[in-house]
């Protein structure tokens, strides 16, 4: 929040940061959220000038999404905050403990998803 972002904003900008112009439905799938939820986020991001949506030239039913220069700038600012938060979060925890936690969380996820 200190640099003008939130977790949903970070997730959308990070998903778009890889480049390209994904279809809106592909972006929602990649983020693991429903299309209408993404649409609400994109509405706000577009109104703020952080993303641009446009119809696909070959298939007018498809809406493509891309970062604007302002979106790139905000992503860079948020990345610094995320790195700092991650550093503080992991402070005092040994690498082996983090690895054990990651294994435990992966097993919990597998238990829930049936994977």
PDB file of N, CA and C in Angstrom:
ATOM      1  N   UNK A   1       0.817  -1.201   0.000  1.00  0.00           N
ATOM      2  CA  UNK A   1       0.000   0.000   0.000  1.00  0.00           C
ATOM      3  C   UNK A   1       0.860   1.264   0.000  1.00  0.00           C
ATOM      4  N   UNK A   2       2.061   1.169   0.565  1.00  0.00           N
ATOM      5  CA  UNK A   2       2.910   2.359   0.666  1.00  0.00           C
ATOM      6  C   UNK A   2       3.349   2.879  -0.692  1.00  0.00           C
ATOM      7  N   UNK A   3       3.368   2.019  -1.709  1.00  0.00           N
ATOM      8  CA  UNK A   3       3.773   2.464  -3.046  1.00  0.00           C
ATOM      9  C   UNK A   3       2.603   2.450  -4.026  1.00  0.00           C
ATOM     10  N   UNK A   4       1.379   2.304  -3.499  1.00  0.00           N
ATOM     11  CA  UNK A   4       0.204   2.383  -4.354  1.00  0.00           C
ATOM     12  C   UNK A   4      -0.268   1.063  -4.918  1.00  0.00           C
ATOM     13  N   UNK A   5       0.000  -0.007  -4.208  1.00  0.00           N
ATOM     14  CA  UNK A   5      -0.421  -1.313  -4.704  1.00  0.00           C
ATOM     15  C   UNK A   5      -1.140  -2.124  -3.645  1.00  0.00           C
ATOM     16  N   UNK A   6      -1.537  -3.305  -4.049  1.00  0.00           N
ATOM     17  CA  UNK A   6      -2.191  -4.264  -3.163  1.00  0.00           C
ATOM     18  C   UNK A   6      -1.826  -5.651  -3.671  1.00  0.00           C
ATOM     19  N   UNK A   7      -2.201  -6.660  -2.923  1.00  0.00           N
ATOM     20  CA  UNK A   7      -1.901  -8.018  -3.354  1.00  0.00           C
ATOM     21  C   UNK A   7      -2.543  -8.344  -4.707  1.00  0.00           C
ATOM     22  N   UNK A   8      -3.825  -8.051  -4.924  1.00  0.00           N
ATOM     23  CA  UNK A   8      -4.402  -8.335  -6.252  1.00  0.00           C
ATOM     24  C   UNK A   8      -3.687  -7.586  -7.377  1.00  0.00           C
ATOM     25  N   UNK A   9      -3.325  -6.328  -7.128  1.00  0.00           N
ATOM     26  CA  UNK A   9      -2.608  -5.558  -8.156  1.00  0.00           C
ATOM     27  C   UNK A   9      -1.272  -6.225  -8.446  1.00  0.00           C
ATOM     28  N   UNK A  10      -0.549  -6.602  -7.391  1.00  0.00           N
ATOM     29  CA  UNK A  10       0.745  -7.268  -7.558  1.00  0.00           C
ATOM     30  C   UNK A  10       0.592  -8.546  -8.385  1.00  0.00           C
ATOM     31  N   UNK A  11      -0.421  -9.343  -8.073  1.00  0.00           N
ATOM     32  CA  UNK A  11      -0.607 -10.615  -8.776  1.00  0.00           C
ATOM     33  C   UNK A  11      -0.894 -10.409 -10.260  1.00  0.00           C
ATOM     34  N   UNK A  12      -1.742  -9.439 -10.577  1.00  0.00           N
ATOM     35  CA  UNK A  12      -2.050  -9.179 -11.988  1.00  0.00           C
ATOM     36  C   UNK A  12      -0.819  -8.643 -12.708  1.00  0.00           C
ATOM     37  N   UNK A  13      -0.162  -7.638 -12.130  1.00  0.00           N
ATOM     38  CA  UNK A  13       1.003  -7.052 -12.790  1.00  0.00           C
ATOM     39  C   UNK A  13       2.108  -8.087 -12.965  1.00  0.00           C
ATOM     40  N   UNK A  14       2.320  -8.921 -11.957  1.00  0.00           N
ATOM     41  CA  UNK A  14       3.356  -9.957 -12.061  1.00  0.00           C
ATOM     42  C   UNK A  14       3.015 -10.978 -13.133  1.00  0.00           C
ATOM     43  N   UNK A  15       1.748 -11.323 -13.236  1.00  0.00           N
ATOM     44  CA  UNK A  15       1.329 -12.280 -14.260  1.00  0.00           C
ATOM     45  C   UNK A  15       1.531 -11.722 -15.666  1.00  0.00           C
ATOM     46  N   UNK A  16       1.388 -10.416 -15.798  1.00  0.00           N
ATOM     47  CA  UNK A  16       1.565  -9.773 -17.109  1.00  0.00           C
ATOM     48  C   UNK A  16       3.015  -9.427 -17.394  1.00  0.00           C
ATOM     49  N   UNK A  17       3.845  -9.391 -16.367  1.00  0.00           N
ATOM     50  CA  UNK A  17       5.222  -8.932 -16.495  1.00  0.00           C
ATOM     51  C   UNK A  17       6.037  -9.783 -17.451  1.00  0.00           C
ATOM     52  N   UNK A  18       5.669 -11.015 -17.646  1.00  0.00           N
ATOM     53  CA  UNK A  18       6.432 -11.900 -18.513  1.00  0.00           C
ATOM     54  C   UNK A  18       6.427 -11.485 -19.968  1.00  0.00           C
ATOM     55  N   UNK A  19       5.633 -10.512 -20.298  1.00  0.00           N
ATOM     56  CA  UNK A  19       5.575 -10.060 -21.680  1.00  0.00           C
ATOM     57  C   UNK A  19       4.417 -10.687 -22.421  1.00  0.00           C
ATOM     58  N   UNK A  20       4.319 -10.334 -23.649  1.00  0.00           N
ATOM     59  CA  UNK A  20       3.217 -10.839 -24.459  1.00  0.00           C
ATOM     60  C   UNK A  20       1.925 -10.138 -24.111  1.00  0.00           C
ATOM     61  N   UNK A  21       0.897 -10.584 -24.748  1.00  0.00           N
ATOM     62  CA  UNK A  21      -0.441 -10.034 -24.528  1.00  0.00           C
ATOM     63  C   UNK A  21      -1.396 -11.194 -24.351  1.00  0.00           C
ATOM     64  N   UNK A  22      -1.455 -11.782 -23.143  1.00  0.00           N
ATOM     65  CA  UNK A  22      -2.327 -12.940 -22.968  1.00  0.00           C
ATOM     66  C   UNK A  22      -3.794 -12.567 -23.128  1.00  0.00           C
ATOM     67  N   UNK A  23      -4.562 -13.544 -23.520  1.00  0.00           N
ATOM     68  CA  UNK A  23      -6.011 -13.359 -23.556  1.00  0.00           C
ATOM     69  C   UNK A  23      -6.495 -13.250 -22.110  1.00  0.00           C
ATOM     70  N   UNK A  24      -7.529 -12.469 -21.914  1.00  0.00           N
ATOM     71  CA  UNK A  24      -8.032 -12.248 -20.566  1.00  0.00           C
ATOM     72  C   UNK A  24      -8.413 -13.557 -19.893  1.00  0.00           C
ATOM     73  N   UNK A  25      -9.040 -14.475 -20.626  1.00  0.00           N
ATOM     74  CA  UNK A  25      -9.426 -15.756 -20.030  1.00  0.00           C
ATOM     75  C   UNK A  25      -8.199 -16.609 -19.698  1.00  0.00           C
ATOM     76  N   UNK A  26      -7.144 -16.518 -20.490  1.00  0.00           N
ATOM     77  CA  UNK A  26      -5.895 -17.238 -20.202  1.00  0.00           C
ATOM     78  C   UNK A  26      -5.238 -16.680 -18.936  1.00  0.00           C
ATOM     79  N   UNK A  27      -5.292 -15.371 -18.791  1.00  0.00           N
ATOM     80  CA  UNK A  27      -4.729 -14.730 -17.614  1.00  0.00           C
ATOM     81  C   UNK A  27      -5.467 -15.175 -16.352  1.00  0.00           C
ATOM     82  N   UNK A  28      -6.786 -15.200 -16.409  1.00  0.00           N
ATOM     83  CA  UNK A  28      -7.581 -15.648 -15.256  1.00  0.00           C
ATOM     84  C   UNK A  28      -7.226 -17.091 -14.896  1.00  0.00           C
ATOM     85  N   UNK A  29      -7.115 -17.947 -15.895  1.00  0.00           N
ATOM     86  CA  UNK A  29      -6.757 -19.345 -15.662  1.00  0.00           C
ATOM     87  C   UNK A  29      -5.375 -19.460 -15.033  1.00  0.00           C
ATOM     88  N   UNK A  30      -4.410 -18.707 -15.559  1.00  0.00           N
ATOM     89  CA  UNK A  30      -3.040 -18.748 -15.034  1.00  0.00           C
ATOM     90  C   UNK A  30      -2.986 -18.259 -13.588  1.00  0.00           C
ATOM     91  N   UNK A  31      -3.848 -17.312 -13.241  1.00  0.00           N
ATOM     92  CA  UNK A  31      -3.866 -16.773 -11.894  1.00  0.00           C
ATOM     93  C   UNK A  31      -4.706 -17.611 -10.946  1.00  0.00           C
ATOM     94  N   UNK A  32      -5.495 -18.536 -11.500  1.00  0.00           N
ATOM     95  CA  UNK A  32      -6.340 -19.387 -10.665  1.00  0.00           C
ATOM     96  C   UNK A  32      -7.549 -18.667 -10.095  1.00  0.00           C
ATOM     97  N   UNK A  33      -8.066 -17.686 -10.860  1.00  0.00           N
ATOM     98  CA  UNK A  33      -9.253 -16.963 -10.411  1.00  0.00           C
ATOM     99  C   UNK A  33     -10.319 -17.010 -11.504  1.00  0.00           C
ATOM    100  N   UNK A  34     -11.518 -16.671 -11.138  1.00  0.00           N
ATOM    101  CA  UNK A  34     -12.641 -16.658 -12.079  1.00  0.00           C
ATOM    102  C   UNK A  34     -12.549 -15.426 -12.983  1.00  0.00           C
ATOM    103  N   UNK A  35     -13.066 -15.573 -14.194  1.00  0.00           N
ATOM    104  CA  UNK A  35     -13.056 -14.481 -15.158  1.00  0.00           C
ATOM    105  C   UNK A  35     -13.682 -13.195 -14.639  1.00  0.00           C
ATOM    106  N   UNK A  36     -14.881 -13.257 -14.026  1.00  0.00           N
ATOM    107  CA  UNK A  36     -15.493 -12.018 -13.526  1.00  0.00           C
ATOM    108  C   UNK A  36     -14.659 -11.322 -12.446  1.00  0.00           C
ATOM    109  N   UNK A  37     -13.970 -12.101 -11.629  1.00  0.00           N
ATOM    110  CA  UNK A  37     -13.101 -11.510 -10.606  1.00  0.00           C
ATOM    111  C   UNK A  37     -11.956 -10.758 -11.270  1.00  0.00           C
ATOM    112  N   UNK A  38     -11.345 -11.371 -12.272  1.00  0.00           N
ATOM    113  CA  UNK A  38     -10.267 -10.704 -12.992  1.00  0.00           C
ATOM    114  C   UNK A  38     -10.785  -9.454 -13.695  1.00  0.00           C
ATOM    115  N   UNK A  39     -11.958  -9.533 -14.273  1.00  0.00           N
ATOM    116  CA  UNK A  39     -12.531  -8.386 -14.974  1.00  0.00           C
ATOM    117  C   UNK A  39     -12.636  -7.183 -14.043  1.00  0.00           C
ATOM    118  N   UNK A  40     -13.089  -7.405 -12.810  1.00  0.00           N
ATOM    119  CA  UNK A  40     -13.201  -6.296 -11.854  1.00  0.00           C
ATOM    120  C   UNK A  40     -11.827  -5.689 -11.562  1.00  0.00           C
ATOM    121  N   UNK A  41     -10.821  -6.550 -11.381  1.00  0.00           N
ATOM    122  CA  UNK A  41      -9.467  -6.041 -11.134  1.00  0.00           C
ATOM    123  C   UNK A  41      -8.953  -5.267 -12.345  1.00  0.00           C
ATOM    124  N   UNK A  42      -9.160  -5.827 -13.538  1.00  0.00           N
ATOM    125  CA  UNK A  42      -8.670  -5.170 -14.751  1.00  0.00           C
ATOM    126  C   UNK A  42      -9.371  -3.847 -14.998  1.00  0.00           C
ATOM    127  N   UNK A  43     -10.648  -3.764 -14.646  1.00  0.00           N
ATOM    128  CA  UNK A  43     -11.372  -2.490 -14.794  1.00  0.00           C
ATOM    129  C   UNK A  43     -10.660  -1.385 -14.022  1.00  0.00           C
ATOM    130  N   UNK A  44     -10.300  -1.680 -12.787  1.00  0.00           N
ATOM    131  CA  UNK A  44      -9.617  -0.690 -11.964  1.00  0.00           C
ATOM    132  C   UNK A  44      -8.218  -0.384 -12.456  1.00  0.00           C
ATOM    133  N   UNK A  45      -7.496  -1.424 -12.857  1.00  0.00           N
ATOM    134  CA  UNK A  45      -6.131  -1.234 -13.357  1.00  0.00           C
ATOM    135  C   UNK A  45      -6.126  -0.447 -14.657  1.00  0.00           C
ATOM    136  N   UNK A  46      -7.103  -0.710 -15.504  1.00  0.00           N
ATOM    137  CA  UNK A  46      -7.195   0.019 -16.767  1.00  0.00           C
ATOM    138  C   UNK A  46      -7.566   1.485 -16.519  1.00  0.00           C
ATOM    139  N   UNK A  47      -8.492   1.716 -15.596  1.00  0.00           N
ATOM    140  CA  UNK A  47      -8.884   3.093 -15.268  1.00  0.00           C
ATOM    141  C   UNK A  47      -7.708   3.878 -14.684  1.00  0.00           C
ATOM    142  N   UNK A  48      -6.802   3.173 -14.012  1.00  0.00           N
ATOM    143  CA  UNK A  48      -5.611   3.813 -13.436  1.00  0.00           C
ATOM    144  C   UNK A  48      -4.465   3.925 -14.432  1.00  0.00           C
ATOM    145  N   UNK A  49      -4.658   3.404 -15.639  1.00  0.00           N
ATOM    146  CA  UNK A  49      -3.629   3.494 -16.668  1.00  0.00           C
ATOM    147  C   UNK A  49      -2.499   2.484 -16.511  1.00  0.00           C
ATOM    148  N   UNK A  50      -2.751   1.399 -15.760  1.00  0.00           N
ATOM    149  CA  UNK A  50      -1.698   0.412 -15.507  1.00  0.00           C
ATOM    150  C   UNK A  50      -1.708  -0.743 -16.506  1.00  0.00           C
ATOM    151  N   UNK A  51      -2.864  -1.027 -17.071  1.00  0.00           N
ATOM    152  CA  UNK A  51      -2.969  -2.063 -18.102  1.00  0.00           C
ATOM    153  C   UNK A  51      -3.799  -1.523 -19.252  1.00  0.00           C
ATOM    154  N   UNK A  52      -3.685  -2.202 -20.372  1.00  0.00           N
ATOM    155  CA  UNK A  52      -4.459  -1.852 -21.571  1.00  0.00           C
ATOM    156  C   UNK A  52      -5.109  -3.142 -22.058  1.00  0.00           C
ATOM    157  N   UNK A  53      -6.379  -3.054 -22.399  1.00  0.00           N
ATOM    158  CA  UNK A  53      -7.086  -4.195 -22.988  1.00  0.00           C
ATOM    159  C   UNK A  53      -7.478  -3.840 -24.409  1.00  0.00           C
ATOM    160  N   UNK A  54      -7.387  -4.823 -25.296  1.00  0.00           N
ATOM    161  CA  UNK A  54      -7.770  -4.602 -26.693  1.00  0.00           C
ATOM    162  C   UNK A  54      -8.265  -5.912 -27.280  1.00  0.00           C
ATOM    163  N   UNK A  55      -9.168  -5.800 -28.210  1.00  0.00           N
ATOM    164  CA  UNK A  55      -9.664  -6.977 -28.928  1.00  0.00           C
ATOM    165  C   UNK A  55      -8.544  -7.545 -29.785  1.00  0.00           C
ATOM    166  N   UNK A  56      -8.524  -8.848 -29.887  1.00  0.00           N
ATOM    167  CA  UNK A  56      -7.548  -9.530 -30.730  1.00  0.00           C
ATOM    168  C   UNK A  56      -7.857  -9.227 -32.190  1.00  0.00           C
ATOM    169  N   UNK A  57      -6.819  -8.966 -32.976  1.00  0.00           N
ATOM    170  CA  UNK A  57      -7.012  -8.631 -34.391  1.00  0.00           C
ATOM    171  C   UNK A  57      -7.610  -9.792 -35.190  1.00  0.00           C
ATOM    172  N   UNK A  58      -7.294 -11.016 -34.808  1.00  0.00           N
ATOM    173  CA  UNK A  58      -7.759 -12.188 -35.567  1.00  0.00           C
ATOM    174  C   UNK A  58      -9.074 -12.761 -35.060  1.00  0.00           C
ATOM    175  N   UNK A  59      -9.385 -12.495 -33.776  1.00  0.00           N
ATOM    176  CA  UNK A  59     -10.614 -13.040 -33.192  1.00  0.00           C
ATOM    177  C   UNK A  59     -11.182 -11.987 -32.244  1.00  0.00           C
ATOM    178  N   UNK A  60     -12.177 -11.269 -32.701  1.00  0.00           N
ATOM    179  CA  UNK A  60     -12.733 -10.147 -31.938  1.00  0.00           C
ATOM    180  C   UNK A  60     -13.382 -10.582 -30.625  1.00  0.00           C
ATOM    181  N   UNK A  61     -13.613 -11.888 -30.444  1.00  0.00           N
ATOM    182  CA  UNK A  61     -14.180 -12.369 -29.175  1.00  0.00           C
ATOM    183  C   UNK A  61     -13.139 -12.383 -28.071  1.00  0.00           C
ATOM    184  N   UNK A  62     -11.860 -12.370 -28.435  1.00  0.00           N
ATOM    185  CA  UNK A  62     -10.757 -12.473 -27.481  1.00  0.00           C
ATOM    186  C   UNK A  62     -10.284 -11.078 -27.085  1.00  0.00           C
ATOM    187  N   UNK A  63     -10.134 -10.864 -25.778  1.00  0.00           N
ATOM    188  CA  UNK A  63      -9.610  -9.602 -25.258  1.00  0.00           C
ATOM    189  C   UNK A  63      -8.200  -9.864 -24.745  1.00  0.00           C
ATOM    190  N   UNK A  64      -7.246  -9.116 -25.273  1.00  0.00           N
ATOM    191  CA  UNK A  64      -5.839  -9.234 -24.879  1.00  0.00           C
ATOM    192  C   UNK A  64      -5.512  -8.168 -23.833  1.00  0.00           C
ATOM    193  N   UNK A  65      -4.591  -8.494 -22.928  1.00  0.00           N
ATOM    194  CA  UNK A  65      -4.225  -7.598 -21.839  1.00  0.00           C
ATOM    195  C   UNK A  65      -2.713  -7.392 -21.862  1.00  0.00           C
ATOM    196  N   UNK A  66      -2.292  -6.155 -21.645  1.00  0.00           N
ATOM    197  CA  UNK A  66      -0.857  -5.877 -21.569  1.00  0.00           C
ATOM    198  C   UNK A  66      -0.591  -4.774 -20.560  1.00  0.00           C
ATOM    199  N   UNK A  67       0.626  -4.770 -20.030  1.00  0.00           N
ATOM    200  CA  UNK A  67       1.052  -3.708 -19.124  1.00  0.00           C
ATOM    201  C   UNK A  67       1.326  -2.437 -19.909  1.00  0.00           C
ATOM    202  N   UNK A  68       1.030  -1.312 -19.304  1.00  0.00           N
ATOM    203  CA  UNK A  68       1.425  -0.013 -19.860  1.00  0.00           C
ATOM    204  C   UNK A  68       2.766   0.365 -19.214  1.00  0.00           C
ATOM    205  N   UNK A  69       3.420   1.400 -19.696  1.00  0.00           N
ATOM    206  CA  UNK A  69       4.636   1.859 -19.022  1.00  0.00           C
ATOM    207  C   UNK A  69       4.397   2.180 -17.538  1.00  0.00           C
ATOM    208  N   UNK A  70       3.242   2.748 -17.216  1.00  0.00           N
ATOM    209  CA  UNK A  70       2.921   3.035 -15.804  1.00  0.00           C
ATOM    210  C   UNK A  70       2.790   1.736 -15.014  1.00  0.00           C
ATOM    211  N   UNK A  71       2.235   0.704 -15.636  1.00  0.00           N
ATOM    212  CA  UNK A  71       2.133  -0.602 -14.983  1.00  0.00           C
ATOM    213  C   UNK A  71       3.494  -1.215 -14.734  1.00  0.00           C
ATOM    214  N   UNK A  72       4.386  -1.045 -15.698  1.00  0.00           N
ATOM    215  CA  UNK A  72       5.767  -1.522 -15.541  1.00  0.00           C
ATOM    216  C   UNK A  72       6.434  -0.818 -14.363  1.00  0.00           C
ATOM    217  N   UNK A  73       6.247   0.495 -14.273  1.00  0.00           N
ATOM    218  CA  UNK A  73       6.850   1.275 -13.183  1.00  0.00           C
ATOM    219  C   UNK A  73       6.313   0.829 -11.827  1.00  0.00           C
ATOM    220  N   UNK A  74       5.000   0.646 -11.736  1.00  0.00           N
ATOM    221  CA  UNK A  74       4.420   0.209 -10.463  1.00  0.00           C
ATOM    222  C   UNK A  74       4.919  -1.185 -10.107  1.00  0.00           C
ATOM    223  N   UNK A  75       5.016  -2.072 -11.098  1.00  0.00           N
ATOM    224  CA  UNK A  75       5.531  -3.415 -10.829  1.00  0.00           C
ATOM    225  C   UNK A  75       6.939  -3.334 -10.241  1.00  0.00           C
ATOM    226  N   UNK A  76       7.784  -2.494 -10.800  1.00  0.00           N
ATOM    227  CA  UNK A  76       9.151  -2.335 -10.299  1.00  0.00           C
ATOM    228  C   UNK A  76       9.149  -1.850  -8.847  1.00  0.00           C
ATOM    229  N   UNK A  77       8.306  -0.876  -8.537  1.00  0.00           N
ATOM    230  CA  UNK A  77       8.214  -0.370  -7.165  1.00  0.00           C
ATOM    231  C   UNK A  77       7.695  -1.446  -6.217  1.00  0.00           C
ATOM    232  N   UNK A  78       6.682  -2.180  -6.658  1.00  0.00           N
ATOM    233  CA  UNK A  78       6.124  -3.240  -5.821  1.00  0.00           C
ATOM    234  C   UNK A  78       7.119  -4.376  -5.626  1.00  0.00           C
ATOM    235  N   UNK A  79       7.915  -4.660  -6.641  1.00  0.00           N
ATOM    236  CA  UNK A  79       8.909  -5.723  -6.534  1.00  0.00           C
ATOM    237  C   UNK A  79       9.886  -5.433  -5.400  1.00  0.00           C
ATOM    238  N   UNK A  80      10.307  -4.203  -5.274  1.00  0.00           N
ATOM    239  CA  UNK A  80      11.200  -3.831  -4.169  1.00  0.00           C
ATOM    240  C   UNK A  80      10.541  -4.091  -2.823  1.00  0.00           C
ATOM    241  N   UNK A  81       9.265  -3.767  -2.706  1.00  0.00           N
ATOM    242  CA  UNK A  81       8.527  -3.987  -1.461  1.00  0.00           C
ATOM    243  C   UNK A  81       8.411  -5.482  -1.180  1.00  0.00           C
ATOM    244  N   UNK A  82       8.103  -6.254  -2.205  1.00  0.00           N
ATOM    245  CA  UNK A  82       7.957  -7.703  -2.047  1.00  0.00           C
ATOM    246  C   UNK A  82       9.280  -8.341  -1.616  1.00  0.00           C
ATOM    247  N   UNK A  83      10.374  -7.919  -2.226  1.00  0.00           N
ATOM    248  CA  UNK A  83      11.691  -8.465  -1.859  1.00  0.00           C
ATOM    249  C   UNK A  83      12.015  -8.128  -0.408  1.00  0.00           C
ATOM    250  N   UNK A  84      11.737  -6.894   0.010  1.00  0.00           N
ATOM    251  CA  UNK A  84      11.985  -6.494   1.386  1.00  0.00           C
ATOM    252  C   UNK A  84      11.114  -7.298   2.356  1.00  0.00           C
ATOM    253  N   UNK A  85       9.842  -7.458   2.019  1.00  0.00           N
ATOM    254  CA  UNK A  85       8.934  -8.233   2.865  1.00  0.00           C
ATOM    255  C   UNK A  85       9.416  -9.676   2.973  1.00  0.00           C
ATOM    256  N   UNK A  86       9.809 -10.265   1.868  1.00  0.00           N
ATOM    257  CA  UNK A  86      10.286 -11.652   1.862  1.00  0.00           C
ATOM    258  C   UNK A  86      11.538 -11.794   2.740  1.00  0.00           C
ATOM    259  N   UNK A  87      12.416 -10.826   2.664  1.00  0.00           N
ATOM    260  CA  UNK A  87      13.630 -10.836   3.486  1.00  0.00           C
ATOM    261  C   UNK A  87      13.270 -10.809   4.971  1.00  0.00           C
ATOM    262  N   UNK A  88      12.334  -9.919   5.348  1.00  0.00           N
ATOM    263  CA  UNK A  88      11.897  -9.828   6.748  1.00  0.00           C
ATOM    264  C   UNK A  88      11.165 -11.082   7.182  1.00  0.00           C
ATOM    265  N   UNK A  89      10.351 -11.643   6.304  1.00  0.00           N
ATOM    266  CA  UNK A  89       9.576 -12.836   6.612  1.00  0.00           C
ATOM    267  C   UNK A  89      10.470 -14.034   6.911  1.00  0.00           C
ATOM    268  N   UNK A  90      11.550 -14.175   6.154  1.00  0.00           N
ATOM    269  CA  UNK A  90      12.435 -15.329   6.288  1.00  0.00           C
ATOM    270  C   UNK A  90      13.576 -15.125   7.295  1.00  0.00           C
ATOM    271  N   UNK A  91      13.669 -13.944   7.865  1.00  0.00           N
ATOM    272  CA  UNK A  91      14.771 -13.637   8.788  1.00  0.00           C
ATOM    273  C   UNK A  91      14.784 -14.626   9.950  1.00  0.00           C
ATOM    274  N   UNK A  92      15.969 -15.164  10.231  1.00  0.00           N
ATOM    275  CA  UNK A  92      16.140 -16.063  11.366  1.00  0.00           C
ATOM    276  C   UNK A  92      15.678 -17.485  11.141  1.00  0.00           C
ATOM    277  N   UNK A  93      15.272 -17.821   9.925  1.00  0.00           N
ATOM    278  CA  UNK A  93      14.830 -19.183   9.616  1.00  0.00           C
ATOM    279  C   UNK A  93      15.877 -19.821   8.718  1.00  0.00           C
ATOM    280  N   UNK A  94      16.378 -20.957   9.145  1.00  0.00           N
ATOM    281  CA  UNK A  94      17.423 -21.655   8.388  1.00  0.00           C
ATOM    282  C   UNK A  94      16.861 -22.213   7.081  1.00  0.00           C
ATOM    283  N   UNK A  95      17.743 -22.369   6.116  1.00  0.00           N
ATOM    284  CA  UNK A  95      17.353 -22.901   4.802  1.00  0.00           C
ATOM    285  C   UNK A  95      16.690 -24.264   4.927  1.00  0.00           C
ATOM    286  N   UNK A  96      17.198 -25.109   5.831  1.00  0.00           N
ATOM    287  CA  UNK A  96      16.599 -26.449   6.009  1.00  0.00           C
ATOM    288  C   UNK A  96      15.176 -26.345   6.549  1.00  0.00           C
ATOM    289  N   UNK A  97      14.953 -25.382   7.440  1.00  0.00           N
ATOM    290  CA  UNK A  97      13.607 -25.193   7.982  1.00  0.00           C
ATOM    291  C   UNK A  97      12.648 -24.718   6.899  1.00  0.00           C
ATOM    292  N   UNK A  98      13.111 -23.810   6.040  1.00  0.00           N
ATOM    293  CA  UNK A  98      12.277 -23.336   4.930  1.00  0.00           C
ATOM    294  C   UNK A  98      11.962 -24.472   3.964  1.00  0.00           C
ATOM    295  N   UNK A  99      12.950 -25.321   3.688  1.00  0.00           N
ATOM    296  CA  UNK A  99      12.732 -26.462   2.795  1.00  0.00           C
ATOM    297  C   UNK A  99      11.707 -27.414   3.390  1.00  0.00           C
ATOM    298  N   UNK A 100      11.795 -27.662   4.703  1.00  0.00           N
ATOM    299  CA  UNK A 100      10.822 -28.541   5.368  1.00  0.00           C
ATOM    300  C   UNK A 100       9.421 -27.935   5.300  1.00  0.00           C
ATOM    301  N   UNK A 101       9.329 -26.630   5.501  1.00  0.00           N
ATOM    302  CA  UNK A 101       8.035 -25.952   5.418  1.00  0.00           C
ATOM    303  C   UNK A 101       7.457 -26.066   4.010  1.00  0.00           C
ATOM    304  N   UNK A 102       8.280 -25.863   3.000  1.00  0.00           N
ATOM    305  CA  UNK A 102       7.818 -25.976   1.609  1.00  0.00           C
ATOM    306  C   UNK A 102       7.308 -27.381   1.318  1.00  0.00           C
ATOM    307  N   UNK A 103       8.006 -28.410   1.810  1.00  0.00           N
ATOM    308  CA  UNK A 103       7.549 -29.790   1.612  1.00  0.00           C
ATOM    309  C   UNK A 103       6.217 -30.029   2.315  1.00  0.00           C
ATOM    310  N   UNK A 104       6.095 -29.517   3.526  1.00  0.00           N
ATOM    311  CA  UNK A 104       4.851 -29.680   4.286  1.00  0.00           C
ATOM    312  C   UNK A 104       3.690 -28.982   3.594  1.00  0.00           C
ATOM    313  N   UNK A 105       3.915 -27.763   3.143  1.00  0.00           N
ATOM    314  CA  UNK A 105       2.855 -27.036   2.440  1.00  0.00           C
ATOM    315  C   UNK A 105       2.469 -27.729   1.134  1.00  0.00           C
ATOM    316  N   UNK A 106       3.452 -28.258   0.425  1.00  0.00           N
ATOM    317  CA  UNK A 106       3.162 -28.985  -0.819  1.00  0.00           C
ATOM    318  C   UNK A 106       2.324 -30.223  -0.522  1.00  0.00           C
ATOM    319  N   UNK A 107       2.625 -30.908   0.552  1.00  0.00           N
ATOM    320  CA  UNK A 107       1.854 -32.104   0.915  1.00  0.00           C
ATOM    321  C   UNK A 107       0.436 -31.723   1.319  1.00  0.00           C
ATOM    322  N   UNK A 108       0.285 -30.629   2.075  1.00  0.00           N
ATOM    323  CA  UNK A 108      -1.049 -30.173   2.428  1.00  0.00           C
ATOM    324  C   UNK A 108      -1.860 -29.832   1.189  1.00  0.00           C
ATOM    325  N   UNK A 109      -1.229 -29.159   0.225  1.00  0.00           N
ATOM    326  CA  UNK A 109      -1.923 -28.824  -1.014  1.00  0.00           C
ATOM    327  C   UNK A 109      -2.334 -30.094  -1.764  1.00  0.00           C
ATOM    328  N   UNK A 110      -1.419 -31.048  -1.844  1.00  0.00           N
ATOM    329  CA  UNK A 110      -1.730 -32.311  -2.521  1.00  0.00           C
ATOM    330  C   UNK A 110      -2.886 -33.022  -1.817  1.00  0.00           C
ATOM    331  N   UNK A 111      -2.921 -32.972  -0.498  1.00  0.00           N
ATOM    332  CA  UNK A 111      -4.002 -33.614   0.251  1.00  0.00           C
ATOM    333  C   UNK A 111      -5.346 -32.979  -0.059  1.00  0.00           C
ATOM    334  N   UNK A 112      -5.341 -31.663  -0.207  1.00  0.00           N
ATOM    335  CA  UNK A 112      -6.584 -30.934  -0.458  1.00  0.00           C
ATOM    336  C   UNK A 112      -7.046 -31.121  -1.902  1.00  0.00           C
ATOM    337  N   UNK A 113      -6.109 -31.087  -2.849  1.00  0.00           N
ATOM    338  CA  UNK A 113      -6.485 -31.139  -4.263  1.00  0.00           C
ATOM    339  C   UNK A 113      -6.575 -32.568  -4.791  1.00  0.00           C
ATOM    340  N   UNK A 114      -6.150 -33.522  -3.996  1.00  0.00           N
ATOM    341  CA  UNK A 114      -6.188 -34.917  -4.441  1.00  0.00           C
ATOM    342  C   UNK A 114      -5.025 -35.262  -5.357  1.00  0.00           C
ATOM    343  N   UNK A 115      -4.004 -34.403  -5.384  1.00  0.00           N
ATOM    344  CA  UNK A 115      -2.856 -34.596  -6.274  1.00  0.00           C
ATOM    345  C   UNK A 115      -1.799 -35.340  -5.669  1.00  0.00           C
TER     346      UNK A 115
END
